[in-house]
Protein backbone atom coordinates (compact mmCIF):
# COMPACT_ATOMS: atom_id res chain seq x y z
CA MET A 1 -129.41 -8.48 -28.80
CA SER A 2 -132.19 -10.86 -28.16
CA ASP A 3 -131.74 -11.49 -32.08
CA GLU A 4 -128.07 -12.70 -31.58
CA ARG A 5 -129.65 -15.25 -29.21
CA THR A 6 -132.27 -16.69 -30.97
CA GLU A 7 -129.31 -17.09 -33.81
CA GLU A 8 -127.06 -18.82 -31.85
CA LEU A 9 -129.87 -21.19 -30.56
CA PRO A 10 -128.93 -24.15 -33.63
CA GLU A 11 -125.61 -24.68 -31.80
CA PRO A 12 -126.42 -26.45 -29.18
CA ARG A 13 -128.98 -28.62 -31.40
CA VAL A 14 -126.26 -29.65 -33.25
CA SER A 15 -124.91 -30.52 -30.40
CA THR A 16 -127.62 -33.14 -29.24
CA HIS A 17 -126.77 -35.55 -31.59
CA LEU A 18 -123.57 -36.47 -29.47
CA PRO A 19 -124.83 -38.68 -27.24
CA VAL A 20 -126.00 -40.44 -30.54
CA SER A 21 -122.68 -41.18 -31.75
CA VAL A 22 -121.69 -41.81 -28.44
CA SER A 23 -124.53 -44.34 -27.45
CA VAL A 24 -123.56 -45.76 -31.20
CA SER A 25 -120.16 -46.00 -30.34
CA VAL A 26 -120.74 -47.05 -26.71
CA SER A 27 -122.53 -49.73 -27.73
CA ASP A 28 -120.51 -51.04 -30.41
CA ASP A 29 -118.06 -51.06 -27.84
CA GLY A 30 -120.33 -53.08 -25.80
CA ARG A 31 -120.86 -55.51 -28.27
CA ASN A 32 -117.19 -55.46 -28.45
CA SER A 33 -116.38 -56.55 -24.97
CA THR A 34 -118.91 -58.81 -24.87
CA GLU A 35 -117.90 -60.46 -27.48
CA SER A 36 -114.41 -60.30 -26.60
CA LYS A 37 -115.67 -61.84 -23.41
CA HIS A 38 -117.26 -64.59 -24.91
CA HIS A 39 -114.26 -65.43 -26.91
CA ASP A 40 -111.80 -65.02 -23.79
CA ALA A 41 -114.26 -67.63 -22.22
CA ALA A 42 -114.16 -69.64 -25.19
CA SER A 43 -110.59 -69.17 -25.00
CA ASP A 44 -110.39 -70.16 -21.57
CA GLY A 45 -112.84 -72.73 -21.65
CA ASP A 46 -110.86 -74.42 -25.04
CA ALA A 47 -107.20 -74.31 -22.95
CA THR A 48 -108.96 -75.74 -20.33
CA ARG A 49 -109.67 -78.25 -22.38
CA ARG A 50 -107.14 -78.89 -23.98
CA GLY A 51 -104.53 -78.78 -20.21
CA THR A 52 -106.86 -81.41 -18.98
CA SER A 53 -106.65 -83.72 -21.67
CA ASP A 54 -102.55 -82.86 -21.52
CA THR A 55 -102.72 -83.49 -18.09
CA GLY A 56 -104.18 -86.94 -18.91
CA ASN A 57 -102.26 -87.80 -21.72
CA ASP A 58 -98.85 -86.97 -19.65
CA THR A 59 -101.01 -88.87 -16.48
CA GLY A 60 -100.89 -91.89 -18.65
CA LYS A 61 -97.71 -91.15 -20.02
CA GLU A 62 -95.88 -91.39 -16.78
CA THR A 63 -98.29 -94.30 -15.57
CA ALA A 64 -96.92 -96.22 -18.44
CA SER A 65 -93.07 -94.98 -17.82
CA SER A 66 -93.50 -96.10 -14.08
CA ASP A 67 -95.35 -99.76 -15.37
CA THR A 68 -92.18 -99.69 -17.74
CA ALA A 69 -90.18 -99.43 -15.45
CA GLY A 70 -91.41 -101.75 -12.92
CA ILE A 71 -91.26 -103.87 -15.84
CA LYS A 72 -87.82 -103.86 -17.06
CA GLU A 73 -86.61 -103.22 -12.74
CA PRO A 74 -86.87 -107.05 -12.38
CA ARG A 75 -85.29 -107.65 -15.69
CA VAL A 76 -82.45 -106.17 -14.79
CA LYS A 77 -82.40 -107.26 -11.45
CA GLU A 78 -81.85 -111.21 -12.84
CA ARG A 79 -79.18 -110.08 -14.99
CA GLY A 80 -77.18 -109.02 -11.81
CA SER A 81 -78.00 -111.57 -9.80
CA LYS A 82 -76.99 -114.56 -12.74
CA ALA A 83 -73.99 -112.63 -12.89
CA SER A 84 -73.06 -112.48 -9.37
CA GLU A 85 -73.85 -116.01 -8.95
CA VAL A 86 -71.12 -116.63 -11.45
CA SER A 87 -67.42 -116.88 -9.93
CA LEU A 88 -64.82 -115.35 -11.52
CA ALA A 89 -61.89 -117.42 -10.29
CA LYS A 90 -63.84 -120.69 -11.60
CA VAL A 91 -64.32 -119.36 -14.61
CA LYS A 92 -60.78 -118.52 -15.16
CA MET A 93 -59.59 -121.88 -14.44
CA GLN A 94 -62.55 -122.96 -17.01
CA ASP A 95 -60.75 -121.38 -19.48
CA HIS A 96 -57.68 -122.17 -18.94
CA LEU A 97 -58.94 -125.82 -19.88
CA PRO A 98 -57.86 -128.85 -19.92
CA ALA A 99 -54.98 -127.23 -18.72
CA LEU A 100 -54.85 -127.54 -14.56
CA ASP A 101 -53.22 -125.49 -12.32
CA ASP A 102 -51.05 -128.00 -10.57
CA ASP A 103 -50.30 -129.91 -13.96
CA ALA A 104 -46.17 -128.64 -12.78
CA ASP A 105 -46.26 -131.03 -9.88
CA VAL A 106 -46.87 -133.89 -12.11
CA GLY A 107 -43.78 -136.01 -10.86
CA VAL A 108 -42.83 -134.18 -7.87
CA GLN A 109 -42.49 -135.42 -5.04
CA LYS A 110 -44.44 -133.17 -2.24
CA GLU A 111 -47.39 -132.91 0.17
CA HIS A 112 -50.53 -133.19 -0.95
CA ILE A 113 -54.22 -133.44 0.07
CA ALA A 114 -57.19 -135.13 -1.42
CA THR A 115 -60.44 -133.70 -0.51
CA ARG A 116 -63.54 -135.80 0.23
CA ASP A 117 -67.15 -134.79 0.90
CA GLY A 118 -68.41 -135.80 3.84
CA LYS A 119 -65.27 -137.52 4.77
CA ALA A 120 -61.88 -137.17 6.47
CA ASP A 121 -59.46 -135.54 3.33
CA LEU A 122 -56.51 -137.44 2.73
CA ARG A 123 -53.11 -135.96 3.48
CA PHE A 124 -49.83 -137.55 2.58
CA THR A 125 -46.44 -137.00 0.62
CA GLY A 126 -46.27 -138.47 -2.58
CA VAL A 127 -45.92 -137.83 -6.43
CA LEU A 128 -49.01 -136.82 -9.11
CA LEU A 129 -48.88 -139.63 -11.33
CA ALA A 130 -51.42 -137.93 -13.67
CA SER A 131 -54.11 -135.83 -14.45
CA ALA A 132 -56.85 -134.62 -17.20
CA ALA A 133 -59.80 -132.38 -17.28
CA PRO A 134 -61.83 -132.13 -20.75
CA ALA A 135 -60.43 -129.67 -23.36
CA SER A 136 -64.10 -127.19 -22.93
CA ALA A 137 -66.88 -126.71 -20.19
CA PRO A 138 -69.31 -124.81 -22.82
CA GLU A 139 -72.40 -126.09 -19.80
CA GLY A 140 -70.08 -124.57 -16.99
CA HIS A 141 -69.31 -128.01 -14.95
CA TRP A 142 -66.91 -130.76 -15.75
CA GLU A 143 -64.78 -133.11 -13.70
CA GLU A 144 -60.84 -133.66 -12.89
CA TYR A 145 -59.44 -136.63 -12.50
CA ARG A 146 -56.26 -137.34 -10.39
CA VAL A 147 -53.64 -140.35 -9.53
CA TYR A 148 -51.18 -139.77 -6.62
CA GLN A 149 -48.61 -142.39 -5.43
CA THR A 150 -47.31 -142.03 -1.88
CA ASP A 151 -44.55 -142.91 -0.54
CA GLY A 152 -45.41 -145.97 0.88
CA GLY A 153 -46.87 -147.35 -2.21
CA LYS A 154 -50.67 -146.96 -2.06
CA HIS A 155 -52.29 -145.20 -4.50
CA VAL A 156 -54.87 -141.99 -4.50
CA PHE A 157 -57.67 -141.85 -7.09
CA SER A 158 -58.86 -138.01 -7.14
CA LYS A 159 -62.19 -136.70 -8.87
CA VAL A 160 -63.40 -133.42 -7.98
CA THR A 161 -66.14 -131.89 -9.89
CA ARG A 162 -66.77 -128.11 -10.67
CA THR A 163 -69.25 -125.75 -11.66
CA VAL A 164 -68.87 -122.07 -12.38
CA HIS A 165 -71.82 -121.17 -10.55
CA GLU A 166 -71.36 -119.23 -7.24
CA LYS A 167 -73.74 -120.88 -5.66
CA ASP A 168 -73.33 -124.64 -6.71
CA ASP A 169 -70.37 -126.07 -4.86
CA ASP A 170 -67.61 -128.40 -6.32
CA THR A 171 -67.72 -131.93 -5.37
CA HIS A 172 -64.76 -133.83 -4.44
CA GLU A 173 -64.47 -137.62 -4.29
CA ALA A 174 -61.45 -140.04 -3.44
CA GLU A 175 -60.50 -143.16 -2.53
CA VAL A 176 -57.21 -145.11 -0.96
CA PHE A 177 -55.49 -148.29 -2.55
CA ASP A 178 -53.97 -150.63 -0.19
CA PRO A 179 -52.11 -153.38 -1.94
CA SER A 180 -51.56 -155.10 1.35
CA PRO A 181 -54.20 -157.80 2.50
CA SER A 182 -55.14 -156.21 5.69
CA SER A 183 -56.98 -153.30 3.95
CA VAL A 184 -60.73 -154.09 3.91
CA PRO A 185 -61.59 -152.38 0.72
CA SER A 186 -58.77 -154.13 -1.17
CA GLN A 187 -59.56 -157.47 0.00
CA LEU A 188 -63.42 -156.81 -0.65
CA ILE A 189 -62.04 -155.80 -4.32
CA ARG A 190 -59.67 -158.15 -4.74
CA SER A 191 -62.22 -161.21 -3.53
CA ALA A 192 -64.45 -160.38 -6.36
CA ARG A 193 -61.96 -159.80 -9.04
CA GLU A 194 -60.47 -163.26 -8.12
CA ILE A 195 -63.72 -164.68 -8.16
CA ALA A 196 -64.04 -163.20 -11.70
CA ARG A 197 -60.90 -163.07 -13.34
CA ALA A 198 -58.96 -165.35 -11.02
CA ARG A 199 -55.56 -162.83 -10.41
CA PRO A 200 -54.46 -160.63 -8.20
CA LEU A 201 -56.19 -156.89 -7.86
CA THR A 202 -53.69 -154.11 -8.75
CA TRP A 203 -54.01 -150.74 -8.46
CA MET A 204 -54.83 -150.65 -12.11
CA ASP A 205 -58.08 -152.08 -11.68
CA ALA A 206 -58.60 -149.67 -8.55
CA ALA A 207 -58.88 -147.19 -11.29
CA VAL A 208 -60.94 -148.77 -12.94
CA ALA A 209 -63.23 -149.00 -10.67
CA PHE A 210 -63.09 -145.27 -9.49
CA PHE A 211 -62.58 -143.78 -12.68
CA GLY A 212 -64.29 -146.23 -14.86
CA TYR A 213 -64.20 -145.97 -18.98
CA GLY A 214 -65.61 -142.94 -19.97
CA PRO A 215 -63.64 -140.48 -22.00
CA LEU A 216 -61.77 -138.73 -19.48
CA ALA A 217 -60.90 -142.22 -17.84
CA LYS A 218 -59.27 -142.86 -20.52
CA VAL A 219 -57.20 -139.63 -20.89
CA LEU A 220 -56.40 -140.18 -17.73
CA TYR A 221 -55.12 -143.80 -18.42
CA ARG A 222 -53.19 -143.17 -21.40
CA LYS A 223 -51.14 -140.53 -19.47
CA LEU A 224 -50.30 -142.96 -17.12
CA SER A 225 -48.18 -145.07 -19.56
CA VAL A 226 -49.81 -148.39 -18.82
CA ARG A 227 -52.11 -150.44 -20.48
CA PHE A 228 -55.78 -150.25 -19.54
CA GLU A 229 -57.37 -152.40 -22.75
CA GLU A 230 -58.64 -155.77 -21.88
CA GLU A 231 -56.93 -157.83 -23.58
CA ILE A 232 -58.18 -161.09 -25.63
CA SER A 233 -56.86 -163.72 -27.88
């Protein structure tokens, strides 16, 4: 029985090699795990650096976009403010030039009001003899000329300067020509004209003194069917 026991001893010796193989495998695993840890740490570091760079890029993009928005916003506001400064009603009037809203009143006897800035408006009953306006107003402003005759034989001259801009007010001028000697303005103009030409002052002379001889004024004079040319011999 002892012999059999001694013969069985080599078997455990073979098993003594197992720790070596196990240790080798453990060491291999250890190296692998360590390398994987280093690799994971390196990859995490790269990811962190990429995340930081990406975050920086995103921040730069957001800053650039915010800066761009800050630049564009005033421009939009400027366009909106310019659009709001234009009066749509006046733009419509501009588009219909040289036609005027009261063209149908020419020759019609009715009550009229001639607006004057800084003075009392003129209210009278009479007829609109003629009116004139330019064919276009590319700069957004134009003048309107009108000549009225009252039932009492006086003449009213009106000049309106219009603009399409909402913040700019239209200007209104108007004068009355009274042929009677009791009219002080008529006497002042009459005395000057009588000295210069030695003839009585007429309403046509007063019209020229008020409107002048510009292109629009000459259009108005032709519509009045009177001779405003200076005659020479």
